[in-house]
Amino acid sequence: MGISNNWDKHKEIEILLENTGLLKLSKEVILMAENDPELLNTVYKEISEKLGMDTAMEVYQMFRGQQISFPVRFFNPERIQKIIVQEYDGTNIRTLAIKYNYSEKTVRRIIKESLETR
């Protein structure tokens, strides 16, 4: 069996396992990464350092090859805006701005917009 045939067979097995959700990295690969973290691409190295190798491997398997950007805000802005409007008592703009990490100007705008749509 030539190199090409081995590669084709390997790809067929990988595709089969990937389609059934059973594709896992071998223990040898995990050991290599744990023993020499410099082998890892930067983002996976950072994830493994902060969250553990298992999490880094899971992120790799879930998102490999994709461009991912993370929003600056952790919470859904639309939901937070509704909460700000609910919690607004006429005097607590500064408190709400600090609590939800918005500027006072933004909190005022959120409240003003909510009053205009009523």
N, C-alpha and C. Protein backbone atom coordinates (compact mmCIF):
# COMPACT_ATOMS: atom_id res chain seq x y z
N MET A 1 0.85 -1.18 0.00
CA MET A 1 0.00 0.00 0.00
C MET A 1 0.90 1.23 0.00
N GLY A 2 0.73 2.12 -0.97
CA GLY A 2 1.57 3.31 -1.08
C GLY A 2 1.14 4.39 -0.11
N ILE A 3 1.95 5.43 -0.06
CA ILE A 3 1.67 6.57 0.84
C ILE A 3 0.32 7.19 0.50
N SER A 4 0.04 7.33 -0.78
CA SER A 4 -1.22 7.94 -1.20
C SER A 4 -2.42 7.14 -0.71
N ASN A 5 -2.33 5.81 -0.83
CA ASN A 5 -3.43 4.95 -0.38
C ASN A 5 -3.64 5.04 1.13
N ASN A 6 -2.54 5.09 1.89
CA ASN A 6 -2.65 5.24 3.35
C ASN A 6 -3.32 6.56 3.70
N TRP A 7 -2.92 7.63 3.02
CA TRP A 7 -3.50 8.95 3.28
C TRP A 7 -4.99 8.95 2.95
N ASP A 8 -5.34 8.35 1.80
CA ASP A 8 -6.75 8.29 1.41
C ASP A 8 -7.56 7.52 2.45
N LYS A 9 -7.02 6.40 2.91
CA LYS A 9 -7.73 5.59 3.91
C LYS A 9 -7.88 6.37 5.21
N HIS A 10 -6.80 7.07 5.62
CA HIS A 10 -6.85 7.89 6.83
C HIS A 10 -7.94 8.97 6.71
N LYS A 11 -7.98 9.66 5.57
CA LYS A 11 -8.98 10.72 5.36
C LYS A 11 -10.40 10.14 5.39
N GLU A 12 -10.58 8.93 4.80
CA GLU A 12 -11.90 8.30 4.82
C GLU A 12 -12.34 8.00 6.25
N ILE A 13 -11.43 7.49 7.06
CA ILE A 13 -11.75 7.18 8.46
C ILE A 13 -12.05 8.48 9.21
N GLU A 14 -11.24 9.53 8.98
CA GLU A 14 -11.46 10.81 9.66
C GLU A 14 -12.82 11.39 9.29
N ILE A 15 -13.17 11.32 8.00
CA ILE A 15 -14.47 11.85 7.55
C ILE A 15 -15.60 11.05 8.19
N LEU A 16 -15.46 9.74 8.23
CA LEU A 16 -16.48 8.88 8.84
C LEU A 16 -16.65 9.22 10.32
N LEU A 17 -15.53 9.30 11.02
CA LEU A 17 -15.60 9.60 12.46
C LEU A 17 -16.11 11.01 12.71
N GLU A 18 -15.71 11.96 11.88
CA GLU A 18 -16.15 13.34 12.03
C GLU A 18 -17.66 13.44 11.84
N ASN A 19 -18.19 12.72 10.87
CA ASN A 19 -19.63 12.76 10.60
C ASN A 19 -20.44 12.14 11.73
N THR A 20 -19.87 11.21 12.47
CA THR A 20 -20.60 10.61 13.59
C THR A 20 -20.29 11.32 14.90
N GLY A 21 -19.43 12.33 14.85
CA GLY A 21 -19.10 13.09 16.05
C GLY A 21 -18.12 12.37 16.96
N LEU A 22 -17.42 11.37 16.46
CA LEU A 22 -16.53 10.58 17.29
C LEU A 22 -15.05 10.93 17.15
N LEU A 23 -14.75 11.91 16.30
CA LEU A 23 -13.35 12.27 16.08
C LEU A 23 -12.76 12.88 17.34
N LYS A 24 -11.75 12.24 17.88
CA LYS A 24 -11.07 12.73 19.08
C LYS A 24 -9.57 12.74 18.80
N LEU A 25 -8.88 13.67 19.41
CA LEU A 25 -7.44 13.68 19.25
C LEU A 25 -6.85 12.58 20.10
N SER A 26 -5.82 11.94 19.60
CA SER A 26 -5.21 10.83 20.32
C SER A 26 -4.56 11.30 21.60
N LYS A 27 -4.42 10.37 22.53
CA LYS A 27 -3.75 10.68 23.80
C LYS A 27 -2.32 11.15 23.56
N GLU A 28 -1.71 10.62 22.52
CA GLU A 28 -0.34 11.00 22.20
C GLU A 28 -0.25 12.49 21.85
N VAL A 29 -1.22 12.99 21.09
CA VAL A 29 -1.23 14.40 20.71
C VAL A 29 -1.42 15.27 21.94
N ILE A 30 -2.33 14.87 22.82
CA ILE A 30 -2.57 15.62 24.04
C ILE A 30 -1.30 15.64 24.91
N LEU A 31 -0.66 14.50 25.04
CA LEU A 31 0.58 14.45 25.82
C LEU A 31 1.66 15.34 25.22
N MET A 32 1.78 15.34 23.90
CA MET A 32 2.76 16.20 23.24
C MET A 32 2.50 17.67 23.59
N ALA A 33 1.24 18.07 23.52
CA ALA A 33 0.88 19.46 23.79
C ALA A 33 1.11 19.82 25.25
N GLU A 34 0.79 18.89 26.14
CA GLU A 34 0.99 19.16 27.57
C GLU A 34 2.47 19.22 27.93
N ASN A 35 3.27 18.37 27.29
CA ASN A 35 4.71 18.34 27.58
C ASN A 35 5.47 19.49 26.94
N ASP A 36 4.96 20.00 25.83
CA ASP A 36 5.63 21.11 25.14
C ASP A 36 4.58 22.08 24.62
N PRO A 37 4.06 22.97 25.50
CA PRO A 37 3.01 23.91 25.11
C PRO A 37 3.40 24.81 23.95
N GLU A 38 4.70 24.97 23.70
CA GLU A 38 5.16 25.81 22.58
C GLU A 38 4.76 25.21 21.24
N LEU A 39 4.38 23.94 21.22
CA LEU A 39 3.91 23.31 19.98
C LEU A 39 2.56 23.89 19.54
N LEU A 40 1.81 24.38 20.50
CA LEU A 40 0.45 24.86 20.21
C LEU A 40 0.47 26.22 19.54
N ASN A 41 -0.49 26.45 18.66
CA ASN A 41 -0.70 27.79 18.13
C ASN A 41 -1.07 28.70 19.30
N THR A 42 -0.76 29.96 19.17
CA THR A 42 -0.89 30.92 20.27
C THR A 42 -2.25 30.89 20.96
N VAL A 43 -3.32 30.94 20.20
CA VAL A 43 -4.64 31.02 20.82
C VAL A 43 -4.93 29.76 21.63
N TYR A 44 -4.55 28.58 21.12
CA TYR A 44 -4.80 27.34 21.85
C TYR A 44 -3.91 27.24 23.09
N LYS A 45 -2.71 27.78 22.97
CA LYS A 45 -1.79 27.81 24.12
C LYS A 45 -2.39 28.68 25.24
N GLU A 46 -2.90 29.85 24.86
CA GLU A 46 -3.50 30.75 25.85
C GLU A 46 -4.72 30.10 26.50
N ILE A 47 -5.55 29.46 25.70
CA ILE A 47 -6.75 28.80 26.24
C ILE A 47 -6.33 27.68 27.19
N SER A 48 -5.35 26.89 26.79
CA SER A 48 -4.92 25.78 27.64
C SER A 48 -4.32 26.28 28.95
N GLU A 49 -3.59 27.39 28.92
CA GLU A 49 -3.00 27.95 30.13
C GLU A 49 -4.07 28.46 31.09
N LYS A 50 -5.10 29.08 30.54
CA LYS A 50 -6.14 29.69 31.38
C LYS A 50 -7.24 28.71 31.78
N LEU A 51 -7.61 27.81 30.83
CA LEU A 51 -8.80 26.98 31.04
C LEU A 51 -8.52 25.49 31.02
N GLY A 52 -7.30 25.10 30.70
CA GLY A 52 -6.95 23.69 30.68
C GLY A 52 -6.87 23.13 29.27
N MET A 53 -6.09 22.06 29.15
CA MET A 53 -5.86 21.44 27.84
C MET A 53 -7.15 20.85 27.27
N ASP A 54 -7.99 20.26 28.11
CA ASP A 54 -9.25 19.68 27.61
C ASP A 54 -10.12 20.73 26.95
N THR A 55 -10.20 21.90 27.56
CA THR A 55 -11.00 22.99 26.99
C THR A 55 -10.38 23.47 25.69
N ALA A 56 -9.06 23.59 25.65
CA ALA A 56 -8.38 24.01 24.42
C ALA A 56 -8.67 23.02 23.29
N MET A 57 -8.62 21.74 23.61
CA MET A 57 -8.90 20.72 22.60
C MET A 57 -10.36 20.79 22.13
N GLU A 58 -11.26 21.04 23.06
CA GLU A 58 -12.68 21.13 22.70
C GLU A 58 -12.94 22.35 21.81
N VAL A 59 -12.33 23.48 22.16
CA VAL A 59 -12.47 24.69 21.34
C VAL A 59 -11.89 24.42 19.95
N TYR A 60 -10.75 23.76 19.91
CA TYR A 60 -10.13 23.44 18.62
C TYR A 60 -11.08 22.59 17.78
N GLN A 61 -11.64 21.55 18.37
CA GLN A 61 -12.52 20.66 17.62
C GLN A 61 -13.81 21.36 17.18
N MET A 62 -14.30 22.27 18.00
CA MET A 62 -15.56 22.95 17.66
C MET A 62 -15.38 24.04 16.60
N PHE A 63 -14.26 24.77 16.66
CA PHE A 63 -14.14 25.98 15.86
C PHE A 63 -12.95 26.02 14.91
N ARG A 64 -12.21 24.95 14.78
CA ARG A 64 -11.01 24.99 13.95
C ARG A 64 -11.33 25.46 12.53
N GLY A 65 -10.48 26.34 12.06
CA GLY A 65 -10.62 26.85 10.71
C GLY A 65 -11.59 28.03 10.58
N GLN A 66 -12.25 28.40 11.66
CA GLN A 66 -13.22 29.49 11.59
C GLN A 66 -12.62 30.78 12.15
N GLN A 67 -13.06 31.89 11.59
CA GLN A 67 -12.72 33.20 12.16
C GLN A 67 -13.79 33.52 13.20
N ILE A 68 -13.38 33.80 14.40
CA ILE A 68 -14.33 34.08 15.47
C ILE A 68 -13.94 35.41 16.11
N SER A 69 -14.94 36.24 16.33
CA SER A 69 -14.69 37.46 17.09
C SER A 69 -15.65 37.46 18.27
N PHE A 70 -15.20 37.97 19.38
CA PHE A 70 -16.01 38.02 20.57
C PHE A 70 -16.47 39.45 20.82
N PRO A 71 -17.76 39.63 21.11
CA PRO A 71 -18.26 40.98 21.38
C PRO A 71 -17.56 41.59 22.59
N VAL A 72 -17.43 42.89 22.58
CA VAL A 72 -16.82 43.60 23.70
C VAL A 72 -17.68 43.42 24.95
N ARG A 73 -18.98 43.44 24.77
CA ARG A 73 -19.90 43.31 25.90
C ARG A 73 -20.23 41.84 26.13
N PHE A 74 -20.22 41.44 27.40
CA PHE A 74 -20.52 40.05 27.77
C PHE A 74 -22.01 39.77 27.65
N PHE A 75 -22.83 40.75 28.06
CA PHE A 75 -24.28 40.57 28.04
C PHE A 75 -24.89 41.13 26.76
N ASN A 76 -26.07 40.64 26.43
CA ASN A 76 -26.83 41.10 25.27
C ASN A 76 -27.27 42.55 25.51
N PRO A 77 -26.78 43.49 24.68
CA PRO A 77 -27.10 44.90 24.89
C PRO A 77 -28.60 45.21 24.89
N GLU A 78 -29.35 44.54 24.04
CA GLU A 78 -30.80 44.80 24.00
C GLU A 78 -31.46 44.45 25.33
N ARG A 79 -31.06 43.34 25.90
CA ARG A 79 -31.63 42.93 27.19
C ARG A 79 -31.20 43.88 28.31
N ILE A 80 -29.93 44.27 28.31
CA ILE A 80 -29.43 45.20 29.33
C ILE A 80 -30.13 46.55 29.21
N GLN A 81 -30.40 47.00 28.00
CA GLN A 81 -31.10 48.27 27.82
C GLN A 81 -32.50 48.20 28.43
N LYS A 82 -33.19 47.10 28.27
CA LYS A 82 -34.51 46.93 28.88
C LYS A 82 -34.41 46.97 30.40
N ILE A 83 -33.39 46.33 30.94
CA ILE A 83 -33.19 46.32 32.39
C ILE A 83 -32.90 47.72 32.89
N ILE A 84 -32.07 48.47 32.17
CA ILE A 84 -31.76 49.85 32.56
C ILE A 84 -33.04 50.67 32.64
N VAL A 85 -33.88 50.53 31.63
CA VAL A 85 -35.14 51.28 31.61
C VAL A 85 -36.01 50.88 32.81
N GLN A 86 -36.05 49.59 33.12
CA GLN A 86 -36.85 49.11 34.25
C GLN A 86 -36.32 49.62 35.58
N GLU A 87 -34.99 49.69 35.70
CA GLU A 87 -34.37 50.09 36.96
C GLU A 87 -34.24 51.60 37.13
N TYR A 88 -34.46 52.34 36.08
CA TYR A 88 -34.32 53.79 36.15
C TYR A 88 -35.41 54.38 37.05
N ASP A 89 -34.97 55.19 38.02
CA ASP A 89 -35.92 55.79 38.96
C ASP A 89 -35.95 57.32 38.88
N GLY A 90 -35.29 57.87 37.85
CA GLY A 90 -35.26 59.31 37.69
C GLY A 90 -34.04 59.96 38.30
N THR A 91 -33.30 59.23 39.14
CA THR A 91 -32.15 59.82 39.81
C THR A 91 -30.88 58.96 39.75
N ASN A 92 -30.96 57.79 39.15
CA ASN A 92 -29.85 56.84 39.27
C ASN A 92 -29.07 56.58 37.97
N ILE A 93 -28.94 57.58 37.13
CA ILE A 93 -28.21 57.41 35.87
C ILE A 93 -26.77 56.99 36.12
N ARG A 94 -26.12 57.66 37.04
CA ARG A 94 -24.71 57.34 37.33
C ARG A 94 -24.58 55.90 37.85
N THR A 95 -25.46 55.50 38.74
CA THR A 95 -25.42 54.15 39.31
C THR A 95 -25.61 53.10 38.22
N LEU A 96 -26.58 53.33 37.33
CA LEU A 96 -26.83 52.39 36.24
C LEU A 96 -25.65 52.33 35.28
N ALA A 97 -25.05 53.47 35.00
CA ALA A 97 -23.89 53.51 34.10
C ALA A 97 -22.75 52.67 34.67
N ILE A 98 -22.49 52.83 35.95
CA ILE A 98 -21.42 52.06 36.59
C ILE A 98 -21.78 50.58 36.63
N LYS A 99 -23.00 50.29 37.04
CA LYS A 99 -23.44 48.89 37.17
C LYS A 99 -23.34 48.12 35.86
N TYR A 100 -23.72 48.75 34.75
CA TYR A 100 -23.76 48.03 33.47
C TYR A 100 -22.63 48.40 32.53
N ASN A 101 -21.65 49.14 33.06
CA ASN A 101 -20.46 49.50 32.30
C ASN A 101 -20.78 50.28 31.02
N TYR A 102 -21.67 51.24 31.15
CA TYR A 102 -22.00 52.16 30.07
C TYR A 102 -21.63 53.57 30.53
N SER A 103 -21.50 54.47 29.59
CA SER A 103 -21.29 55.86 29.97
C SER A 103 -22.63 56.45 30.41
N GLU A 104 -22.58 57.50 31.18
CA GLU A 104 -23.82 58.17 31.59
C GLU A 104 -24.58 58.67 30.36
N LYS A 105 -23.84 59.16 29.38
CA LYS A 105 -24.46 59.64 28.13
C LYS A 105 -25.25 58.51 27.46
N THR A 106 -24.70 57.32 27.43
CA THR A 106 -25.38 56.18 26.82
C THR A 106 -26.63 55.81 27.61
N VAL A 107 -26.53 55.81 28.92
CA VAL A 107 -27.70 55.51 29.75
C VAL A 107 -28.80 56.53 29.50
N ARG A 108 -28.44 57.80 29.42
CA ARG A 108 -29.44 58.85 29.13
C ARG A 108 -30.10 58.60 27.76
N ARG A 109 -29.29 58.24 26.76
CA ARG A 109 -29.82 57.96 25.43
C ARG A 109 -30.78 56.77 25.46
N ILE A 110 -30.42 55.72 26.18
CA ILE A 110 -31.28 54.53 26.29
C ILE A 110 -32.62 54.91 26.90
N ILE A 111 -32.57 55.69 27.96
CA ILE A 111 -33.80 56.10 28.64
C ILE A 111 -34.63 57.01 27.74
N LYS A 112 -33.96 57.97 27.09
CA LYS A 112 -34.66 58.88 26.19
C LYS A 112 -35.34 58.11 25.05
N GLU A 113 -34.62 57.17 24.43
CA GLU A 113 -35.19 56.38 23.34
C GLU A 113 -36.37 55.55 23.80
N SER A 114 -36.29 55.04 25.03
CA SER A 114 -37.41 54.23 25.53
C SER A 114 -38.64 55.09 25.79
N LEU A 115 -38.44 56.34 26.20
CA LEU A 115 -39.55 57.24 26.44
C LEU A 115 -40.20 57.67 25.11
N GLU A 116 -39.39 57.80 24.08
CA GLU A 116 -39.89 58.21 22.76
C GLU A 116 -40.72 57.12 22.09
N THR A 117 -40.44 55.87 22.41
CA THR A 117 -41.15 54.75 21.77
C THR A 117 -42.41 54.35 22.53
N ARG A 118 -42.66 54.98 23.64
CA ARG A 118 -43.86 54.63 24.42
C ARG A 118 -45.09 55.27 23.85
